[in-house]
Amino acid sequence: MQPLRLIASAALCAVTAACASGPKPTEQLARAHTLVEEAEKSQAQRYAPADLQRARDELQLADAANGNGKYDIARSDAESASVDADLASARASEGEARRAANDARQSNAVLEHEEQTPGAPAVRPQDLQQYPSASPPPSTPPGSVPPAQVLPPDQSAPPPQPQSDPEQSALPRQGAVP
């Protein structure tokens, strides 16, 4: 009977150790909570709602497992929540960057249109001093609008060239012999 008790108690110890193995995942949980909060403050709800929701769900599972003493599961879920929250934040940053690039592209297109419109005022360097400087890209990517020409302060915009009218060119010039 004694060997049977010894085997039963060993099995009980093994099961207990498997359920609560390792220390509490305090660091992992704190990090996951912080990353999920940062993702919620960013535009993740707009640009990566599925990633943000998955991070929230995994964090909830991690908290529940931690409360039940299942530290390995809690640690794993907390790490998964951290990765998904980080991914949601990265996608939110990418979405914001794309939006800003699109806004800049549209502004450039408006400036290009104004530059090509006769009688539109030229952009001068002193007009640009009120805006923060930015270095132009090394080359214009395909499909984008090239930067507008900026004139030096001592020059004015060249007058628009008159359009040739086919009817006027058919008329004889003054002083010309027919």
C-alpha atoms as a PDB file:
ATOM      1  CA  MET A   1       0.000   0.000   0.000  1.00  0.00           C
ATOM      2  CA  GLN A   2       2.908   2.320   0.738  1.00  0.00           C
ATOM      3  CA  PRO A   3       4.282   2.283  -2.841  1.00  0.00           C
ATOM      4  CA  LEU A   4       0.839   3.185  -4.199  1.00  0.00           C
ATOM      5  CA  ARG A   5       0.649   6.262  -1.926  1.00  0.00           C
ATOM      6  CA  LEU A   6       4.119   7.302  -3.009  1.00  0.00           C
ATOM      7  CA  ILE A   7       3.202   7.082  -6.697  1.00  0.00           C
ATOM      8  CA  ALA A   8      -0.088   8.963  -6.138  1.00  0.00           C
ATOM      9  CA  SER A   9       1.612  11.794  -4.248  1.00  0.00           C
ATOM     10  CA  ALA A  10       4.324  12.052  -6.915  1.00  0.00           C
ATOM     11  CA  ALA A  11       1.668  12.304  -9.612  1.00  0.00           C
ATOM     12  CA  LEU A  12      -0.186  14.982  -7.622  1.00  0.00           C
ATOM     13  CA  CYS A  13       3.025  17.001  -7.244  1.00  0.00           C
ATOM     14  CA  ALA A  14       3.716  16.740 -10.980  1.00  0.00           C
ATOM     15  CA  VAL A  15       0.216  17.951 -11.887  1.00  0.00           C
ATOM     16  CA  THR A  16       0.438  20.823  -9.396  1.00  0.00           C
ATOM     17  CA  ALA A  17       3.866  21.857 -10.684  1.00  0.00           C
ATOM     18  CA  ALA A  18       2.662  21.795 -14.288  1.00  0.00           C
ATOM     19  CA  CYS A  19      -0.250  24.105 -13.557  1.00  0.00           C
ATOM     20  CA  ALA A  20       1.691  26.783 -11.678  1.00  0.00           C
ATOM     21  CA  SER A  21       5.166  26.356 -13.094  1.00  0.00           C
ATOM     22  CA  GLY A  22       7.452  29.370 -13.184  1.00  0.00           C
ATOM     23  CA  PRO A  23       7.190  32.700 -11.454  1.00  0.00           C
ATOM     24  CA  LYS A  24       4.296  35.106 -11.910  1.00  0.00           C
ATOM     25  CA  PRO A  25       4.498  36.876 -15.291  1.00  0.00           C
ATOM     26  CA  THR A  26       4.350  40.351 -13.732  1.00  0.00           C
ATOM     27  CA  GLU A  27       6.729  41.980 -16.248  1.00  0.00           C
ATOM     28  CA  GLN A  28       5.041  40.464 -19.279  1.00  0.00           C
ATOM     29  CA  LEU A  29       1.589  41.508 -18.074  1.00  0.00           C
ATOM     30  CA  ALA A  30       2.710  45.062 -17.316  1.00  0.00           C
ATOM     31  CA  ARG A  31       4.344  45.375 -20.735  1.00  0.00           C
ATOM     32  CA  ALA A  32       1.250  43.986 -22.480  1.00  0.00           C
ATOM     33  CA  HIS A  33      -1.042  46.405 -20.615  1.00  0.00           C
ATOM     34  CA  THR A  34       1.208  49.336 -21.572  1.00  0.00           C
ATOM     35  CA  LEU A  35       1.409  48.369 -25.252  1.00  0.00           C
ATOM     36  CA  VAL A  36      -2.350  47.829 -25.527  1.00  0.00           C
ATOM     37  CA  GLU A  37      -2.979  51.248 -23.930  1.00  0.00           C
ATOM     38  CA  GLU A  38      -0.513  52.892 -26.342  1.00  0.00           C
ATOM     39  CA  ALA A  39      -2.192  51.193 -29.298  1.00  0.00           C
ATOM     40  CA  GLU A  40      -5.583  52.426 -28.105  1.00  0.00           C
ATOM     41  CA  LYS A  41      -4.250  55.993 -27.863  1.00  0.00           C
ATOM     42  CA  SER A  42      -2.824  55.821 -31.396  1.00  0.00           C
ATOM     43  CA  GLN A  43      -5.022  55.499 -34.452  1.00  0.00           C
ATOM     44  CA  ALA A  44      -4.992  51.683 -34.193  1.00  0.00           C
ATOM     45  CA  GLN A  45      -8.774  51.524 -33.889  1.00  0.00           C
ATOM     46  CA  ARG A  46      -8.973  53.239 -37.285  1.00  0.00           C
ATOM     47  CA  TYR A  47      -6.137  51.487 -39.144  1.00  0.00           C
ATOM     48  CA  ALA A  48      -5.795  48.085 -37.397  1.00  0.00           C
ATOM     49  CA  PRO A  49      -8.984  47.261 -35.497  1.00  0.00           C
ATOM     50  CA  ALA A  50      -8.583  43.470 -35.801  1.00  0.00           C
ATOM     51  CA  ASP A  51      -5.023  43.529 -34.411  1.00  0.00           C
ATOM     52  CA  LEU A  52      -6.072  45.793 -31.546  1.00  0.00           C
ATOM     53  CA  GLN A  53      -9.059  43.596 -30.665  1.00  0.00           C
ATOM     54  CA  ARG A  54      -6.904  40.461 -30.754  1.00  0.00           C
ATOM     55  CA  ALA A  55      -4.409  42.135 -28.394  1.00  0.00           C
ATOM     56  CA  ARG A  56      -7.232  43.083 -26.007  1.00  0.00           C
ATOM     57  CA  ASP A  57      -8.628  39.526 -26.071  1.00  0.00           C
ATOM     58  CA  GLU A  58      -5.223  37.944 -25.437  1.00  0.00           C
ATOM     59  CA  LEU A  59      -4.566  40.364 -22.596  1.00  0.00           C
ATOM     60  CA  GLN A  60      -7.890  39.454 -21.015  1.00  0.00           C
ATOM     61  CA  LEU A  61      -7.000  35.752 -21.289  1.00  0.00           C
ATOM     62  CA  ALA A  62      -3.568  36.444 -19.776  1.00  0.00           C
ATOM     63  CA  ASP A  63      -5.107  38.256 -16.818  1.00  0.00           C
ATOM     64  CA  ALA A  64      -7.579  35.401 -16.257  1.00  0.00           C
ATOM     65  CA  ALA A  65      -4.855  32.731 -16.453  1.00  0.00           C
ATOM     66  CA  ASN A  66      -2.692  34.744 -14.052  1.00  0.00           C
ATOM     67  CA  GLY A  67      -5.603  34.985 -11.619  1.00  0.00           C
ATOM     68  CA  ASN A  68      -6.050  31.202 -11.790  1.00  0.00           C
ATOM     69  CA  GLY A  69      -2.370  30.564 -11.127  1.00  0.00           C
ATOM     70  CA  LYS A  70      -1.647  29.327 -14.662  1.00  0.00           C
ATOM     71  CA  TYR A  71       1.466  31.421 -15.048  1.00  0.00           C
ATOM     72  CA  ASP A  72       2.890  29.763 -18.170  1.00  0.00           C
ATOM     73  CA  ILE A  73      -0.365  30.340 -20.043  1.00  0.00           C
ATOM     74  CA  ALA A  74      -0.583  33.878 -18.684  1.00  0.00           C
ATOM     75  CA  ARG A  75       2.991  34.591 -19.791  1.00  0.00           C
ATOM     76  CA  SER A  76       2.345  33.226 -23.281  1.00  0.00           C
ATOM     77  CA  ASP A  77      -0.917  35.166 -23.696  1.00  0.00           C
ATOM     78  CA  ALA A  78       0.679  38.367 -22.387  1.00  0.00           C
ATOM     79  CA  GLU A  79       3.530  38.045 -24.879  1.00  0.00           C
ATOM     80  CA  SER A  80       1.050  37.436 -27.711  1.00  0.00           C
ATOM     81  CA  ALA A  81      -0.952  40.488 -26.613  1.00  0.00           C
ATOM     82  CA  SER A  82       2.237  42.582 -26.643  1.00  0.00           C
ATOM     83  CA  VAL A  83       3.112  41.487 -30.171  1.00  0.00           C
ATOM     84  CA  ASP A  84      -0.397  42.191 -31.484  1.00  0.00           C
ATOM     85  CA  ALA A  85      -0.581  45.586 -29.751  1.00  0.00           C
ATOM     86  CA  ASP A  86       2.811  46.499 -31.189  1.00  0.00           C
ATOM     87  CA  LEU A  87       1.641  45.417 -34.646  1.00  0.00           C
ATOM     88  CA  ALA A  88      -1.539  47.494 -34.298  1.00  0.00           C
ATOM     89  CA  SER A  89       0.523  50.561 -33.356  1.00  0.00           C
ATOM     90  CA  ALA A  90       2.865  50.021 -36.308  1.00  0.00           C
ATOM     91  CA  ARG A  91      -0.051  49.723 -38.715  1.00  0.00           C
ATOM     92  CA  ALA A  92      -1.580  52.878 -37.230  1.00  0.00           C
ATOM     93  CA  SER A  93       1.701  54.746 -37.778  1.00  0.00           C
ATOM     94  CA  GLU A  94       1.866  53.470 -41.337  1.00  0.00           C
ATOM     95  CA  GLY A  95      -1.723  54.564 -41.972  1.00  0.00           C
ATOM     96  CA  GLU A  96      -1.034  58.042 -40.620  1.00  0.00           C
ATOM     97  CA  ALA A  97       2.133  58.311 -42.727  1.00  0.00           C
ATOM     98  CA  ARG A  98       0.234  57.277 -45.857  1.00  0.00           C
ATOM     99  CA  ARG A  99      -2.482  59.825 -45.088  1.00  0.00           C
ATOM    100  CA  ALA A 100       0.111  62.583 -44.624  1.00  0.00           C
ATOM    101  CA  ALA A 101       1.872  61.596 -47.866  1.00  0.00           C
ATOM    102  CA  ASN A 102      -1.436  61.657 -49.706  1.00  0.00           C
ATOM    103  CA  ASP A 103      -2.222  65.108 -48.289  1.00  0.00           C
ATOM    104  CA  ALA A 104       1.199  66.360 -49.409  1.00  0.00           C
ATOM    105  CA  ARG A 105       0.688  64.846 -52.876  1.00  0.00           C
ATOM    106  CA  GLN A 106      -2.642  66.628 -53.199  1.00  0.00           C
ATOM    107  CA  SER A 107      -1.120  69.928 -52.059  1.00  0.00           C
ATOM    108  CA  ASN A 108       1.671  69.534 -54.601  1.00  0.00           C
ATOM    109  CA  ALA A 109      -0.866  68.872 -57.336  1.00  0.00           C
ATOM    110  CA  VAL A 110      -2.725  72.071 -56.399  1.00  0.00           C
ATOM    111  CA  LEU A 111       0.533  74.046 -56.468  1.00  0.00           C
ATOM    112  CA  GLU A 112       1.451  72.517 -59.824  1.00  0.00           C
ATOM    113  CA  HIS A 113      -1.934  73.492 -61.204  1.00  0.00           C
ATOM    114  CA  GLU A 114      -1.581  77.046 -59.891  1.00  0.00           C
ATOM    115  CA  GLU A 115       1.900  77.262 -61.399  1.00  0.00           C
ATOM    116  CA  GLN A 116       0.582  76.302 -64.811  1.00  0.00           C
ATOM    117  CA  THR A 117      -2.371  78.696 -64.609  1.00  0.00           C
ATOM    118  CA  PRO A 118      -1.658  82.024 -66.387  1.00  0.00           C
ATOM    119  CA  GLY A 119      -1.721  84.970 -64.013  1.00  0.00           C
ATOM    120  CA  ALA A 120      -1.222  82.841 -60.904  1.00  0.00           C
ATOM    121  CA  PRO A 121       1.296  84.354 -58.485  1.00  0.00           C
ATOM    122  CA  ALA A 122       4.749  82.745 -58.391  1.00  0.00           C
ATOM    123  CA  VAL A 123       5.998  81.165 -55.181  1.00  0.00           C
ATOM    124  CA  ARG A 124       8.988  83.069 -53.829  1.00  0.00           C
ATOM    125  CA  PRO A 125      11.480  81.939 -51.166  1.00  0.00           C
ATOM    126  CA  GLN A 126      10.341  84.653 -48.734  1.00  0.00           C
ATOM    127  CA  ASP A 127       6.799  83.253 -48.985  1.00  0.00           C
ATOM    128  CA  LEU A 128       8.114  79.845 -47.920  1.00  0.00           C
ATOM    129  CA  GLN A 129       9.938  81.129 -44.814  1.00  0.00           C
ATOM    130  CA  GLN A 130       6.807  80.793 -42.725  1.00  0.00           C
ATOM    131  CA  TYR A 131       6.802  77.021 -43.284  1.00  0.00           C
ATOM    132  CA  PRO A 132       9.291  74.551 -41.769  1.00  0.00           C
ATOM    133  CA  SER A 133      11.943  73.444 -44.190  1.00  0.00           C
ATOM    134  CA  ALA A 134      11.999  69.928 -45.525  1.00  0.00           C
ATOM    135  CA  SER A 135      14.530  68.347 -47.814  1.00  0.00           C
ATOM    136  CA  PRO A 136      13.147  67.298 -51.172  1.00  0.00           C
ATOM    137  CA  PRO A 137      13.300  63.613 -52.028  1.00  0.00           C
ATOM    138  CA  PRO A 138      16.356  62.570 -54.090  1.00  0.00           C
ATOM    139  CA  SER A 139      14.192  61.752 -57.099  1.00  0.00           C
ATOM    140  CA  THR A 140      10.564  62.026 -58.019  1.00  0.00           C
ATOM    141  CA  PRO A 141       8.861  58.621 -57.715  1.00  0.00           C
ATOM    142  CA  PRO A 142       6.755  57.443 -60.650  1.00  0.00           C
ATOM    143  CA  GLY A 143       3.247  58.817 -60.629  1.00  0.00           C
ATOM    144  CA  SER A 144       4.048  61.791 -58.380  1.00  0.00           C
ATOM    145  CA  VAL A 145       4.079  65.468 -59.201  1.00  0.00           C
ATOM    146  CA  PRO A 146       7.520  67.134 -59.532  1.00  0.00           C
ATOM    147  CA  PRO A 147       8.209  70.002 -57.106  1.00  0.00           C
ATOM    148  CA  ALA A 148       7.157  73.538 -58.095  1.00  0.00           C
ATOM    149  CA  GLN A 149       9.798  75.937 -59.404  1.00  0.00           C
ATOM    150  CA  VAL A 150      10.768  78.600 -56.862  1.00  0.00           C
ATOM    151  CA  LEU A 151      11.987  81.895 -58.288  1.00  0.00           C
ATOM    152  CA  PRO A 152      14.770  83.950 -56.679  1.00  0.00           C
ATOM    153  CA  PRO A 153      13.548  87.117 -54.892  1.00  0.00           C
ATOM    154  CA  ASP A 154      14.918  89.469 -57.596  1.00  0.00           C
ATOM    155  CA  GLN A 155      12.977  87.872 -60.451  1.00  0.00           C
ATOM    156  CA  SER A 156       9.316  87.883 -61.188  1.00  0.00           C
ATOM    157  CA  ALA A 157       7.359  85.193 -62.883  1.00  0.00           C
ATOM    158  CA  PRO A 158       7.691  85.271 -66.673  1.00  0.00           C
ATOM    159  CA  PRO A 159       4.585  86.607 -68.399  1.00  0.00           C
ATOM    160  CA  PRO A 160       2.340  83.962 -69.878  1.00  0.00           C
ATOM    161  CA  GLN A 161       2.975  83.297 -73.563  1.00  0.00           C
ATOM    162  CA  PRO A 162       0.103  84.328 -75.817  1.00  0.00           C
ATOM    163  CA  GLN A 163      -1.717  81.458 -77.387  1.00  0.00           C
ATOM    164  CA  SER A 164      -1.522  81.417 -81.175  1.00  0.00           C
ATOM    165  CA  ASP A 165      -4.926  81.808 -82.717  1.00  0.00           C
ATOM    166  CA  PRO A 166      -5.289  79.992 -86.069  1.00  0.00           C
ATOM    167  CA  GLU A 167      -7.650  82.725 -87.358  1.00  0.00           C
ATOM    168  CA  GLN A 168      -5.164  85.501 -86.610  1.00  0.00           C
ATOM    169  CA  SER A 169      -2.259  83.700 -88.248  1.00  0.00           C
ATOM    170  CA  ALA A 170      -4.290  83.449 -91.477  1.00  0.00           C
ATOM    171  CA  LEU A 171      -4.660  87.257 -91.643  1.00  0.00           C
ATOM    172  CA  PRO A 172      -1.905  89.213 -93.351  1.00  0.00           C
ATOM    173  CA  ARG A 173       0.401  91.177 -91.103  1.00  0.00           C
ATOM    174  CA  GLN A 174       0.364  94.899 -91.146  1.00  0.00           C
ATOM    175  CA  GLY A 175       2.861  96.136 -93.677  1.00  0.00           C
ATOM    176  CA  ALA A 176       3.152  92.765 -95.368  1.00  0.00           C
ATOM    177  CA  VAL A 177       2.648  92.555 -99.106  1.00  0.00           C
ATOM    178  CA  PRO A 178      -0.116  90.154-100.136  1.00  0.00           C
END
